[in-house]
Amino acid sequence: MILHLFHDRRALADVATLKVAIEECFGAFGLQVRESGYLYVPLAGHKLNAAKLLKHLARASCRKDALWLVDRELFYPEIGPVLGCSAKGAALLYGGLDPDVLAREALHEVGHLLSLEHCPHSCVMRLSTTPDEAREKPARLCHKCSNRLALKTGLERI
């Protein structure tokens, strides 16, 4: 699988760092990350409607499996502020997070793109609703999620 990584006015250093973190976590399952460049955000305001952006990403990228790093906070209608979110092969991530939190949330959203659900264990797939919660979880999959992903991809874990 190829994951297309887009950005909105973010330094390429952030994108390159995320690319490395994602491939270190999911490369053993056949995931490759392609830096796909800048993608214009068609919405105004300090906080972005994540539901609308996910639809825009799905249309604009013309690809399945895309992660878009945006430079403004995200909110999801009827949920409120979110660090990241995903739906139907597209994921969003707020780039204004601390680098450690940013990497963990990128891994979490990519896990969703790979069909993993939230996990109650010490795992990057554990739900986090605040940066502090995200910082506390590990930047790796637990044994159970690794095995689930290995079964889904048909590949052996390394």
C-alpha atoms as a PDB file:
ATOM      1  CA  MET A   1       0.000   0.000   0.000  1.00  0.00           C
ATOM      2  CA  ILE A   2       1.122   3.534  -0.734  1.00  0.00           C
ATOM      3  CA  LEU A   3       0.167   6.366   1.625  1.00  0.00           C
ATOM      4  CA  HIS A   4       0.129   9.823   0.028  1.00  0.00           C
ATOM      5  CA  LEU A   5       1.245  12.494   2.487  1.00  0.00           C
ATOM      6  CA  PHE A   6       0.035  16.024   1.714  1.00  0.00           C
ATOM      7  CA  HIS A   7       0.725  19.227   3.631  1.00  0.00           C
ATOM      8  CA  ASP A   8      -0.682  22.720   3.992  1.00  0.00           C
ATOM      9  CA  ARG A   9       1.964  25.394   4.499  1.00  0.00           C
ATOM     10  CA  ARG A  10       4.013  23.036   6.657  1.00  0.00           C
ATOM     11  CA  ALA A  11       7.779  22.730   6.595  1.00  0.00           C
ATOM     12  CA  LEU A  12       9.031  19.775   4.641  1.00  0.00           C
ATOM     13  CA  ALA A  13      11.014  18.839   7.749  1.00  0.00           C
ATOM     14  CA  ASP A  14       7.730  17.934   9.504  1.00  0.00           C
ATOM     15  CA  VAL A  15       6.608  15.904   6.510  1.00  0.00           C
ATOM     16  CA  ALA A  16       9.947  14.110   6.256  1.00  0.00           C
ATOM     17  CA  THR A  17       9.897  13.300   9.980  1.00  0.00           C
ATOM     18  CA  LEU A  18       6.369  11.896   9.733  1.00  0.00           C
ATOM     19  CA  LYS A  19       7.322   9.858   6.668  1.00  0.00           C
ATOM     20  CA  VAL A  20      10.145   8.190   8.598  1.00  0.00           C
ATOM     21  CA  ALA A  21       7.984   7.516  11.682  1.00  0.00           C
ATOM     22  CA  ILE A  22       5.142   6.026   9.620  1.00  0.00           C
ATOM     23  CA  GLU A  23       7.446   3.781   7.601  1.00  0.00           C
ATOM     24  CA  GLU A  24       9.257   2.614  10.757  1.00  0.00           C
ATOM     25  CA  CYS A  25       5.958   1.588  12.340  1.00  0.00           C
ATOM     26  CA  PHE A  26       4.117   0.211   9.301  1.00  0.00           C
ATOM     27  CA  GLY A  27       6.820  -0.556   6.710  1.00  0.00           C
ATOM     28  CA  ALA A  28       6.989  -4.181   7.832  1.00  0.00           C
ATOM     29  CA  PHE A  29       3.357  -4.491   6.700  1.00  0.00           C
ATOM     30  CA  GLY A  30       4.113  -3.253   3.179  1.00  0.00           C
ATOM     31  CA  LEU A  31       3.294   0.445   3.659  1.00  0.00           C
ATOM     32  CA  GLN A  32       5.277   3.008   1.696  1.00  0.00           C
ATOM     33  CA  VAL A  33       4.865   6.778   2.157  1.00  0.00           C
ATOM     34  CA  ARG A  34       4.993   9.203  -0.766  1.00  0.00           C
ATOM     35  CA  GLU A  35       5.399  12.903  -0.107  1.00  0.00           C
ATOM     36  CA  SER A  36       2.683  14.263  -2.381  1.00  0.00           C
ATOM     37  CA  GLY A  37       3.188  17.992  -1.825  1.00  0.00           C
ATOM     38  CA  TYR A  38       1.034  20.978  -1.012  1.00  0.00           C
ATOM     39  CA  LEU A  39      -2.754  20.790  -1.020  1.00  0.00           C
ATOM     40  CA  TYR A  40      -4.803  23.980  -0.697  1.00  0.00           C
ATOM     41  CA  VAL A  41      -7.274  24.228   2.191  1.00  0.00           C
ATOM     42  CA  PRO A  42     -10.523  25.646   0.741  1.00  0.00           C
ATOM     43  CA  LEU A  43     -11.938  26.692   4.144  1.00  0.00           C
ATOM     44  CA  ALA A  44     -11.419  29.888   6.127  1.00  0.00           C
ATOM     45  CA  GLY A  45     -11.185  30.307   9.883  1.00  0.00           C
ATOM     46  CA  HIS A  46      -8.935  29.375  12.775  1.00  0.00           C
ATOM     47  CA  LYS A  47     -10.587  25.981  13.212  1.00  0.00           C
ATOM     48  CA  LEU A  48     -11.306  23.706  10.278  1.00  0.00           C
ATOM     49  CA  ASN A  49     -14.351  21.486   9.828  1.00  0.00           C
ATOM     50  CA  ALA A  50     -12.758  18.040   9.586  1.00  0.00           C
ATOM     51  CA  ALA A  51     -15.802  16.422   7.948  1.00  0.00           C
ATOM     52  CA  LYS A  52     -15.694  18.929   5.072  1.00  0.00           C
ATOM     53  CA  LEU A  53     -11.915  18.615   4.728  1.00  0.00           C
ATOM     54  CA  LEU A  54     -12.081  14.826   4.546  1.00  0.00           C
ATOM     55  CA  LYS A  55     -14.540  15.107   1.654  1.00  0.00           C
ATOM     56  CA  HIS A  56     -12.278  17.663  -0.059  1.00  0.00           C
ATOM     57  CA  LEU A  57      -9.239  15.424   0.383  1.00  0.00           C
ATOM     58  CA  ALA A  58     -11.073  12.446  -1.089  1.00  0.00           C
ATOM     59  CA  ARG A  59     -11.974  14.519  -4.186  1.00  0.00           C
ATOM     60  CA  ALA A  60      -8.713  16.444  -4.521  1.00  0.00           C
ATOM     61  CA  SER A  61      -6.262  13.595  -4.102  1.00  0.00           C
ATOM     62  CA  CYS A  62      -8.115  11.190  -6.417  1.00  0.00           C
ATOM     63  CA  ARG A  63      -6.398   8.468  -4.431  1.00  0.00           C
ATOM     64  CA  LYS A  64      -7.243   6.211  -1.589  1.00  0.00           C
ATOM     65  CA  ASP A  65      -4.995   6.267   1.455  1.00  0.00           C
ATOM     66  CA  ALA A  66      -3.973   9.880   1.931  1.00  0.00           C
ATOM     67  CA  LEU A  67      -2.892  11.756   5.063  1.00  0.00           C
ATOM     68  CA  TRP A  68      -3.128  15.553   5.031  1.00  0.00           C
ATOM     69  CA  LEU A  69      -1.154  17.637   7.512  1.00  0.00           C
ATOM     70  CA  VAL A  70      -2.971  20.955   8.038  1.00  0.00           C
ATOM     71  CA  ASP A  71      -1.767  24.014   9.943  1.00  0.00           C
ATOM     72  CA  ARG A  72      -5.015  24.938  11.706  1.00  0.00           C
ATOM     73  CA  GLU A  73      -6.925  23.239  14.487  1.00  0.00           C
ATOM     74  CA  LEU A  74      -9.563  20.688  13.528  1.00  0.00           C
ATOM     75  CA  PHE A  75     -13.054  20.155  14.853  1.00  0.00           C
ATOM     76  CA  TYR A  76     -15.550  17.494  13.960  1.00  0.00           C
ATOM     77  CA  PRO A  77     -19.241  18.469  14.015  1.00  0.00           C
ATOM     78  CA  GLU A  78     -21.051  17.104  17.070  1.00  0.00           C
ATOM     79  CA  ILE A  79     -17.727  15.887  18.536  1.00  0.00           C
ATOM     80  CA  GLY A  80     -15.675  19.043  18.951  1.00  0.00           C
ATOM     81  CA  PRO A  81     -11.901  19.547  18.709  1.00  0.00           C
ATOM     82  CA  VAL A  82      -9.854  16.628  17.351  1.00  0.00           C
ATOM     83  CA  LEU A  83      -6.122  16.092  16.920  1.00  0.00           C
ATOM     84  CA  GLY A  84      -6.722  14.029  13.802  1.00  0.00           C
ATOM     85  CA  CYS A  85      -9.424  11.976  12.134  1.00  0.00           C
ATOM     86  CA  SER A  86      -9.968   9.586   9.248  1.00  0.00           C
ATOM     87  CA  ALA A  87     -12.700   8.217   7.008  1.00  0.00           C
ATOM     88  CA  LYS A  88     -12.855   6.223   3.765  1.00  0.00           C
ATOM     89  CA  GLY A  89      -9.152   6.137   2.960  1.00  0.00           C
ATOM     90  CA  ALA A  90      -8.425   9.758   3.936  1.00  0.00           C
ATOM     91  CA  ALA A  91      -7.001  11.148   7.178  1.00  0.00           C
ATOM     92  CA  LEU A  92      -6.345  14.611   8.601  1.00  0.00           C
ATOM     93  CA  LEU A  93      -3.820  15.684  11.190  1.00  0.00           C
ATOM     94  CA  TYR A  94      -3.366  19.028  12.949  1.00  0.00           C
ATOM     95  CA  GLY A  95       0.266  20.009  12.374  1.00  0.00           C
ATOM     96  CA  GLY A  96       0.482  22.466  15.270  1.00  0.00           C
ATOM     97  CA  LEU A  97       1.096  19.689  17.771  1.00  0.00           C
ATOM     98  CA  ASP A  98       4.300  18.984  19.667  1.00  0.00           C
ATOM     99  CA  PRO A  99       6.548  16.772  17.444  1.00  0.00           C
ATOM    100  CA  ASP A 100       6.145  13.681  19.664  1.00  0.00           C
ATOM    101  CA  VAL A 101       2.370  14.066  19.758  1.00  0.00           C
ATOM    102  CA  LEU A 102       2.279  14.764  16.019  1.00  0.00           C
ATOM    103  CA  ALA A 103       4.123  11.530  15.257  1.00  0.00           C
ATOM    104  CA  ARG A 104       1.913   9.440  17.556  1.00  0.00           C
ATOM    105  CA  GLU A 105      -1.272  10.893  16.110  1.00  0.00           C
ATOM    106  CA  ALA A 106      -0.006  10.361  12.553  1.00  0.00           C
ATOM    107  CA  LEU A 107       0.636   6.696  13.393  1.00  0.00           C
ATOM    108  CA  HIS A 108      -2.808   6.444  14.978  1.00  0.00           C
ATOM    109  CA  GLU A 109      -4.586   7.847  11.902  1.00  0.00           C
ATOM    110  CA  VAL A 110      -2.560   5.666   9.535  1.00  0.00           C
ATOM    111  CA  GLY A 111      -3.564   2.688  11.677  1.00  0.00           C
ATOM    112  CA  HIS A 112      -7.200   3.586  10.992  1.00  0.00           C
ATOM    113  CA  LEU A 113      -6.446   3.802   7.257  1.00  0.00           C
ATOM    114  CA  LEU A 114      -5.089   0.265   7.577  1.00  0.00           C
ATOM    115  CA  SER A 115      -8.412  -0.828   9.168  1.00  0.00           C
ATOM    116  CA  LEU A 116      -7.262  -0.927  12.777  1.00  0.00           C
ATOM    117  CA  GLU A 117      -9.749   0.122  15.460  1.00  0.00           C
ATOM    118  CA  HIS A 118      -9.134   1.812  18.798  1.00  0.00           C
ATOM    119  CA  CYS A 119      -7.249  -0.383  21.243  1.00  0.00           C
ATOM    120  CA  PRO A 120      -7.496  -0.444  25.060  1.00  0.00           C
ATOM    121  CA  HIS A 121      -3.887  -1.626  25.503  1.00  0.00           C
ATOM    122  CA  SER A 122      -0.585   0.254  25.611  1.00  0.00           C
ATOM    123  CA  CYS A 123      -0.688   0.966  21.898  1.00  0.00           C
ATOM    124  CA  VAL A 124      -0.565   3.853  19.438  1.00  0.00           C
ATOM    125  CA  MET A 125      -4.147   2.886  18.517  1.00  0.00           C
ATOM    126  CA  ARG A 126      -5.413   3.850  21.981  1.00  0.00           C
ATOM    127  CA  LEU A 127      -7.856   6.753  21.708  1.00  0.00           C
ATOM    128  CA  SER A 128      -6.490  10.110  22.822  1.00  0.00           C
ATOM    129  CA  THR A 129      -8.569  13.256  22.949  1.00  0.00           C
ATOM    130  CA  THR A 130      -5.890  15.623  24.274  1.00  0.00           C
ATOM    131  CA  PRO A 131      -2.208  16.168  23.475  1.00  0.00           C
ATOM    132  CA  ASP A 132      -1.305  14.930  26.988  1.00  0.00           C
ATOM    133  CA  GLU A 133      -3.145  11.632  26.406  1.00  0.00           C
ATOM    134  CA  ALA A 134      -1.439  11.253  23.026  1.00  0.00           C
ATOM    135  CA  ARG A 135       1.985  11.914  24.559  1.00  0.00           C
ATOM    136  CA  GLU A 136       1.425   9.124  27.100  1.00  0.00           C
ATOM    137  CA  LYS A 137       0.790   6.365  24.571  1.00  0.00           C
ATOM    138  CA  PRO A 138       3.670   4.551  22.851  1.00  0.00           C
ATOM    139  CA  ALA A 139       4.678   5.247  19.256  1.00  0.00           C
ATOM    140  CA  ARG A 140       4.165   1.603  18.294  1.00  0.00           C
ATOM    141  CA  LEU A 141       1.483  -1.015  17.934  1.00  0.00           C
ATOM    142  CA  CYS A 142       0.779  -3.498  20.692  1.00  0.00           C
ATOM    143  CA  HIS A 143       1.223  -7.198  20.004  1.00  0.00           C
ATOM    144  CA  LYS A 144      -2.512  -7.732  19.339  1.00  0.00           C
ATOM    145  CA  CYS A 145      -2.778  -4.863  16.822  1.00  0.00           C
ATOM    146  CA  SER A 146       0.442  -5.984  15.103  1.00  0.00           C
ATOM    147  CA  ASN A 147      -0.997  -9.461  14.710  1.00  0.00           C
ATOM    148  CA  ARG A 148      -4.334  -8.115  13.418  1.00  0.00           C
ATOM    149  CA  LEU A 149      -2.532  -6.004  10.848  1.00  0.00           C
ATOM    150  CA  ALA A 150      -0.305  -8.906   9.813  1.00  0.00           C
ATOM    151  CA  LEU A 151      -3.418 -11.021   9.213  1.00  0.00           C
ATOM    152  CA  LYS A 152      -5.134  -8.251   7.233  1.00  0.00           C
ATOM    153  CA  THR A 153      -2.123  -7.563   5.024  1.00  0.00           C
ATOM    154  CA  GLY A 154      -1.071 -11.179   4.664  1.00  0.00           C
ATOM    155  CA  LEU A 155       2.475 -10.193   5.636  1.00  0.00           C
ATOM    156  CA  GLU A 156       4.649 -11.416   8.459  1.00  0.00           C
ATOM    157  CA  ARG A 157       5.706  -9.029  11.202  1.00  0.00           C
ATOM    158  CA  ILE A 158       9.401  -8.240  11.376  1.00  0.00           C
END
